[in-house]
Amino acid sequence: MEVSPSLLRRTGGALFDVAAQVRRALGGSALGGSALGGSALGGSALRGDRTGPGDPDWATDAALHAQACAWDGYLSELAARLDDAGDRLTRAADGYADADDDAWRRLC
């Protein structure tokens, strides 16, 4: 099976781009922003301005905040795994430095 280093590098670069998009969606960091975003949910959601357990919406806000934090953690881990996969593909491409030239010569 022929391996094309340029395709490996291109795929690795695409994974880096997806990881960057995931991080931008998180607001730059898992702790700095929420994947769900408070403004997207409207009102007081995820801002913790409920009065406490006596407020009927307090449990919903607490559960929503916990869910948003869980998604932020998941998406942060996903971005790290995408970066890792992209890095491994680009390193693998280095091992096939002459494969593109060899394949081109065989075609001509």
N, C-alpha and C. Protein backbone atom coordinates (compact mmCIF):
# COMPACT_ATOMS: atom_id res chain seq x y z
N MET A 1 0.84 -1.18 0.00
CA MET A 1 0.00 0.00 0.00
C MET A 1 0.88 1.24 0.00
N GLU A 2 0.57 2.16 -0.88
CA GLU A 2 1.33 3.40 -0.98
C GLU A 2 0.85 4.38 0.10
N VAL A 3 1.79 5.09 0.67
CA VAL A 3 1.47 6.11 1.66
C VAL A 3 1.94 7.45 1.12
N SER A 4 1.07 8.43 1.17
CA SER A 4 1.41 9.76 0.68
C SER A 4 1.64 10.69 1.87
N PRO A 5 2.87 11.12 2.07
CA PRO A 5 3.13 12.04 3.18
C PRO A 5 2.33 13.33 3.08
N SER A 6 2.12 13.81 1.86
CA SER A 6 1.36 15.06 1.72
C SER A 6 -0.08 14.88 2.19
N LEU A 7 -0.67 13.72 1.93
CA LEU A 7 -2.03 13.46 2.41
C LEU A 7 -2.07 13.31 3.94
N LEU A 8 -1.04 12.67 4.49
CA LEU A 8 -0.96 12.55 5.94
C LEU A 8 -0.85 13.93 6.58
N ARG A 9 0.01 14.79 6.01
CA ARG A 9 0.18 16.13 6.55
C ARG A 9 -1.11 16.96 6.41
N ARG A 10 -1.77 16.83 5.26
CA ARG A 10 -3.01 17.57 5.03
C ARG A 10 -4.08 17.13 6.03
N THR A 11 -4.19 15.82 6.24
CA THR A 11 -5.17 15.31 7.20
C THR A 11 -4.82 15.76 8.62
N GLY A 12 -3.54 15.71 8.96
CA GLY A 12 -3.10 16.20 10.26
C GLY A 12 -3.42 17.67 10.44
N GLY A 13 -3.20 18.46 9.39
CA GLY A 13 -3.52 19.88 9.45
C GLY A 13 -5.01 20.12 9.63
N ALA A 14 -5.83 19.30 8.97
CA ALA A 14 -7.29 19.43 9.11
C ALA A 14 -7.71 19.12 10.55
N LEU A 15 -7.07 18.13 11.17
CA LEU A 15 -7.39 17.81 12.56
C LEU A 15 -7.00 18.95 13.49
N PHE A 16 -5.86 19.60 13.21
CA PHE A 16 -5.45 20.77 14.01
C PHE A 16 -6.50 21.88 13.87
N ASP A 17 -7.01 22.08 12.65
CA ASP A 17 -8.03 23.12 12.42
C ASP A 17 -9.31 22.82 13.18
N VAL A 18 -9.74 21.55 13.17
CA VAL A 18 -10.96 21.18 13.90
C VAL A 18 -10.76 21.40 15.40
N ALA A 19 -9.59 21.03 15.91
CA ALA A 19 -9.29 21.22 17.33
C ALA A 19 -9.36 22.71 17.68
N ALA A 20 -8.83 23.56 16.80
CA ALA A 20 -8.87 25.01 17.05
C ALA A 20 -10.31 25.52 17.04
N GLN A 21 -11.15 24.99 16.15
CA GLN A 21 -12.55 25.40 16.11
C GLN A 21 -13.29 24.98 17.38
N VAL A 22 -12.98 23.79 17.88
CA VAL A 22 -13.60 23.33 19.12
C VAL A 22 -13.19 24.25 20.27
N ARG A 23 -11.90 24.62 20.30
CA ARG A 23 -11.43 25.50 21.37
C ARG A 23 -12.08 26.89 21.28
N ARG A 24 -12.25 27.39 20.05
CA ARG A 24 -12.91 28.70 19.89
C ARG A 24 -14.36 28.61 20.37
N ALA A 25 -15.01 27.49 20.11
CA ALA A 25 -16.40 27.31 20.57
C ALA A 25 -16.47 27.30 22.09
N LEU A 26 -15.39 26.87 22.73
CA LEU A 26 -15.34 26.85 24.19
C LEU A 26 -14.99 28.22 24.76
N GLY A 27 -14.69 29.16 23.92
CA GLY A 27 -14.33 30.48 24.41
C GLY A 27 -12.86 30.58 24.78
N GLY A 28 -12.02 29.75 24.21
CA GLY A 28 -10.59 29.82 24.45
C GLY A 28 -10.08 28.82 25.47
N SER A 29 -10.90 28.48 26.46
CA SER A 29 -10.46 27.49 27.44
C SER A 29 -11.69 26.87 28.10
N ALA A 30 -11.46 25.72 28.69
CA ALA A 30 -12.58 25.02 29.33
C ALA A 30 -13.11 25.83 30.52
N LEU A 31 -12.25 26.59 31.18
CA LEU A 31 -12.69 27.34 32.34
C LEU A 31 -13.14 28.75 31.99
N GLY A 32 -12.71 29.26 30.83
CA GLY A 32 -13.01 30.63 30.48
C GLY A 32 -14.36 30.83 29.83
N GLY A 33 -14.97 29.81 29.32
CA GLY A 33 -16.26 29.96 28.66
C GLY A 33 -17.00 28.65 28.67
N SER A 34 -18.23 28.72 28.29
CA SER A 34 -19.05 27.53 28.29
C SER A 34 -19.41 27.14 26.87
N ALA A 35 -19.43 25.85 26.61
CA ALA A 35 -19.83 25.38 25.29
C ALA A 35 -21.27 25.79 25.00
N LEU A 36 -22.09 25.87 26.04
CA LEU A 36 -23.48 26.25 25.85
C LEU A 36 -23.67 27.75 25.91
N GLY A 37 -22.83 28.45 26.65
CA GLY A 37 -22.89 29.90 26.73
C GLY A 37 -24.12 30.40 27.45
N GLY A 38 -23.92 31.26 28.43
CA GLY A 38 -25.03 31.78 29.20
C GLY A 38 -26.01 32.58 28.37
N SER A 39 -25.51 33.40 27.45
CA SER A 39 -26.41 34.24 26.68
C SER A 39 -27.25 33.42 25.70
N ALA A 40 -26.72 32.31 25.24
CA ALA A 40 -27.48 31.46 24.32
C ALA A 40 -28.68 30.83 25.02
N LEU A 41 -28.57 30.65 26.33
CA LEU A 41 -29.66 30.05 27.09
C LEU A 41 -30.62 31.10 27.61
N GLY A 42 -30.21 32.34 27.57
CA GLY A 42 -31.07 33.45 27.95
C GLY A 42 -31.22 33.63 29.45
N GLY A 43 -31.65 34.81 29.83
CA GLY A 43 -31.95 35.10 31.22
C GLY A 43 -30.81 34.83 32.16
N SER A 44 -31.13 34.15 33.26
CA SER A 44 -30.15 33.95 34.31
C SER A 44 -29.46 32.60 34.23
N ALA A 45 -29.76 31.83 33.21
CA ALA A 45 -29.18 30.49 33.11
C ALA A 45 -27.68 30.55 33.18
N LEU A 46 -27.11 29.67 33.94
CA LEU A 46 -25.67 29.49 34.13
C LEU A 46 -24.99 30.68 34.80
N ARG A 47 -25.73 31.62 35.34
CA ARG A 47 -25.10 32.76 36.00
C ARG A 47 -25.17 32.67 37.51
N GLY A 48 -25.94 31.73 38.01
CA GLY A 48 -26.01 31.53 39.45
C GLY A 48 -26.72 32.65 40.20
N ASP A 49 -27.65 33.37 39.55
CA ASP A 49 -28.31 34.46 40.26
C ASP A 49 -29.66 34.04 40.85
N ARG A 50 -29.91 32.75 40.94
CA ARG A 50 -31.12 32.28 41.60
C ARG A 50 -30.93 32.42 43.10
N THR A 51 -32.01 32.51 43.81
CA THR A 51 -31.94 32.77 45.25
C THR A 51 -31.59 31.55 46.07
N GLY A 52 -31.60 30.39 45.51
CA GLY A 52 -31.25 29.18 46.26
C GLY A 52 -32.31 28.12 46.12
N PRO A 53 -32.24 27.09 46.96
CA PRO A 53 -33.17 25.97 46.85
C PRO A 53 -34.64 26.35 46.93
N GLY A 54 -34.97 27.50 47.49
CA GLY A 54 -36.37 27.93 47.56
C GLY A 54 -36.90 28.39 46.21
N ASP A 55 -36.05 28.77 45.32
CA ASP A 55 -36.46 29.22 43.99
C ASP A 55 -36.75 27.99 43.14
N PRO A 56 -37.92 27.93 42.48
CA PRO A 56 -38.28 26.73 41.71
C PRO A 56 -37.31 26.44 40.55
N ASP A 57 -36.63 27.44 40.06
CA ASP A 57 -35.71 27.23 38.94
C ASP A 57 -34.29 26.93 39.39
N TRP A 58 -34.04 26.95 40.68
CA TRP A 58 -32.67 26.77 41.18
C TRP A 58 -32.10 25.40 40.80
N ALA A 59 -32.88 24.34 40.96
CA ALA A 59 -32.39 22.99 40.64
C ALA A 59 -32.09 22.88 39.15
N THR A 60 -32.95 23.48 38.32
CA THR A 60 -32.71 23.44 36.88
C THR A 60 -31.42 24.17 36.54
N ASP A 61 -31.21 25.35 37.13
CA ASP A 61 -29.98 26.10 36.87
C ASP A 61 -28.75 25.32 37.32
N ALA A 62 -28.84 24.70 38.49
CA ALA A 62 -27.70 23.94 39.01
C ALA A 62 -27.39 22.75 38.10
N ALA A 63 -28.44 22.06 37.65
CA ALA A 63 -28.24 20.91 36.76
C ALA A 63 -27.70 21.36 35.41
N LEU A 64 -28.21 22.47 34.90
CA LEU A 64 -27.75 22.99 33.61
C LEU A 64 -26.29 23.41 33.69
N HIS A 65 -25.92 24.05 34.78
CA HIS A 65 -24.52 24.45 34.96
C HIS A 65 -23.61 23.22 35.01
N ALA A 66 -24.02 22.20 35.73
CA ALA A 66 -23.23 20.97 35.83
C ALA A 66 -23.10 20.31 34.45
N GLN A 67 -24.19 20.31 33.69
CA GLN A 67 -24.15 19.72 32.34
C GLN A 67 -23.23 20.51 31.42
N ALA A 68 -23.29 21.84 31.49
CA ALA A 68 -22.42 22.68 30.66
C ALA A 68 -20.96 22.43 31.01
N CYS A 69 -20.65 22.30 32.28
CA CYS A 69 -19.27 22.03 32.71
C CYS A 69 -18.81 20.67 32.19
N ALA A 70 -19.70 19.69 32.23
CA ALA A 70 -19.35 18.35 31.73
C ALA A 70 -19.06 18.41 30.23
N TRP A 71 -19.89 19.14 29.47
CA TRP A 71 -19.64 19.27 28.03
C TRP A 71 -18.35 20.02 27.75
N ASP A 72 -18.07 21.05 28.53
CA ASP A 72 -16.81 21.78 28.36
C ASP A 72 -15.62 20.85 28.55
N GLY A 73 -15.69 20.01 29.58
CA GLY A 73 -14.62 19.05 29.81
C GLY A 73 -14.48 18.06 28.68
N TYR A 74 -15.61 17.56 28.20
CA TYR A 74 -15.59 16.60 27.09
C TYR A 74 -15.00 17.24 25.83
N LEU A 75 -15.44 18.46 25.51
CA LEU A 75 -14.95 19.12 24.31
C LEU A 75 -13.48 19.51 24.42
N SER A 76 -13.04 19.86 25.61
CA SER A 76 -11.61 20.14 25.80
C SER A 76 -10.78 18.89 25.56
N GLU A 77 -11.24 17.77 26.07
CA GLU A 77 -10.54 16.49 25.86
C GLU A 77 -10.57 16.11 24.38
N LEU A 78 -11.69 16.35 23.72
CA LEU A 78 -11.79 16.07 22.29
C LEU A 78 -10.78 16.89 21.50
N ALA A 79 -10.66 18.17 21.82
CA ALA A 79 -9.70 19.03 21.13
C ALA A 79 -8.27 18.53 21.35
N ALA A 80 -7.96 18.10 22.56
CA ALA A 80 -6.62 17.57 22.84
C ALA A 80 -6.36 16.29 22.05
N ARG A 81 -7.37 15.44 21.95
CA ARG A 81 -7.20 14.19 21.19
C ARG A 81 -7.05 14.47 19.70
N LEU A 82 -7.78 15.46 19.18
CA LEU A 82 -7.63 15.83 17.77
C LEU A 82 -6.23 16.37 17.50
N ASP A 83 -5.73 17.20 18.41
CA ASP A 83 -4.36 17.70 18.26
C ASP A 83 -3.35 16.56 18.27
N ASP A 84 -3.54 15.61 19.18
CA ASP A 84 -2.64 14.48 19.28
C ASP A 84 -2.65 13.64 18.01
N ALA A 85 -3.84 13.38 17.48
CA ALA A 85 -3.94 12.59 16.25
C ALA A 85 -3.29 13.34 15.08
N GLY A 86 -3.51 14.65 15.00
CA GLY A 86 -2.88 15.44 13.94
C GLY A 86 -1.36 15.43 14.06
N ASP A 87 -0.87 15.52 15.28
CA ASP A 87 0.57 15.47 15.51
C ASP A 87 1.15 14.12 15.10
N ARG A 88 0.46 13.03 15.45
CA ARG A 88 0.95 11.71 15.08
C ARG A 88 0.95 11.51 13.57
N LEU A 89 -0.06 12.05 12.89
CA LEU A 89 -0.09 11.93 11.42
C LEU A 89 1.05 12.71 10.77
N THR A 90 1.30 13.91 11.26
CA THR A 90 2.39 14.69 10.66
C THR A 90 3.75 14.07 10.96
N ARG A 91 3.91 13.47 12.14
CA ARG A 91 5.17 12.76 12.43
C ARG A 91 5.31 11.52 11.56
N ALA A 92 4.21 10.82 11.32
CA ALA A 92 4.25 9.64 10.45
C ALA A 92 4.64 10.06 9.03
N ALA A 93 4.16 11.21 8.60
CA ALA A 93 4.49 11.70 7.26
C ALA A 93 5.99 11.90 7.11
N ASP A 94 6.66 12.30 8.19
CA ASP A 94 8.11 12.49 8.14
C ASP A 94 8.83 11.18 7.85
N GLY A 95 8.24 10.07 8.24
CA GLY A 95 8.83 8.76 7.99
C GLY A 95 8.70 8.31 6.54
N TYR A 96 7.86 9.00 5.79
CA TYR A 96 7.66 8.66 4.38
C TYR A 96 8.09 9.82 3.49
N ALA A 97 9.22 10.40 3.79
CA ALA A 97 9.66 11.62 3.13
C ALA A 97 9.74 11.49 1.61
N ASP A 98 10.17 10.37 1.11
CA ASP A 98 10.37 10.23 -0.34
C ASP A 98 9.21 9.53 -1.04
N ALA A 99 8.18 9.16 -0.34
CA ALA A 99 7.11 8.36 -0.94
C ALA A 99 6.38 9.12 -2.05
N ASP A 100 6.11 10.42 -1.88
CA ASP A 100 5.43 11.18 -2.92
C ASP A 100 6.25 11.23 -4.20
N ASP A 101 7.56 11.47 -4.08
CA ASP A 101 8.42 11.52 -5.26
C ASP A 101 8.48 10.15 -5.94
N ASP A 102 8.58 9.09 -5.16
CA ASP A 102 8.65 7.75 -5.74
C ASP A 102 7.36 7.41 -6.48
N ALA A 103 6.23 7.75 -5.90
CA ALA A 103 4.94 7.47 -6.54
C ALA A 103 4.81 8.26 -7.84
N TRP A 104 5.25 9.49 -7.84
CA TRP A 104 5.17 10.33 -9.04
C TRP A 104 6.04 9.76 -10.16
N ARG A 105 7.24 9.30 -9.81
CA ARG A 105 8.13 8.71 -10.83
C ARG A 105 7.53 7.45 -11.44
N ARG A 106 6.84 6.64 -10.64
CA ARG A 106 6.23 5.42 -11.16
C ARG A 106 5.08 5.73 -12.11
N LEU A 107 4.40 6.85 -11.88
CA LEU A 107 3.29 7.22 -12.75
C LEU A 107 3.77 7.75 -14.09
N CYS A 108 4.93 8.34 -14.12
CA CYS A 108 5.43 8.96 -15.37
C CYS A 108 6.10 8.00 -16.30
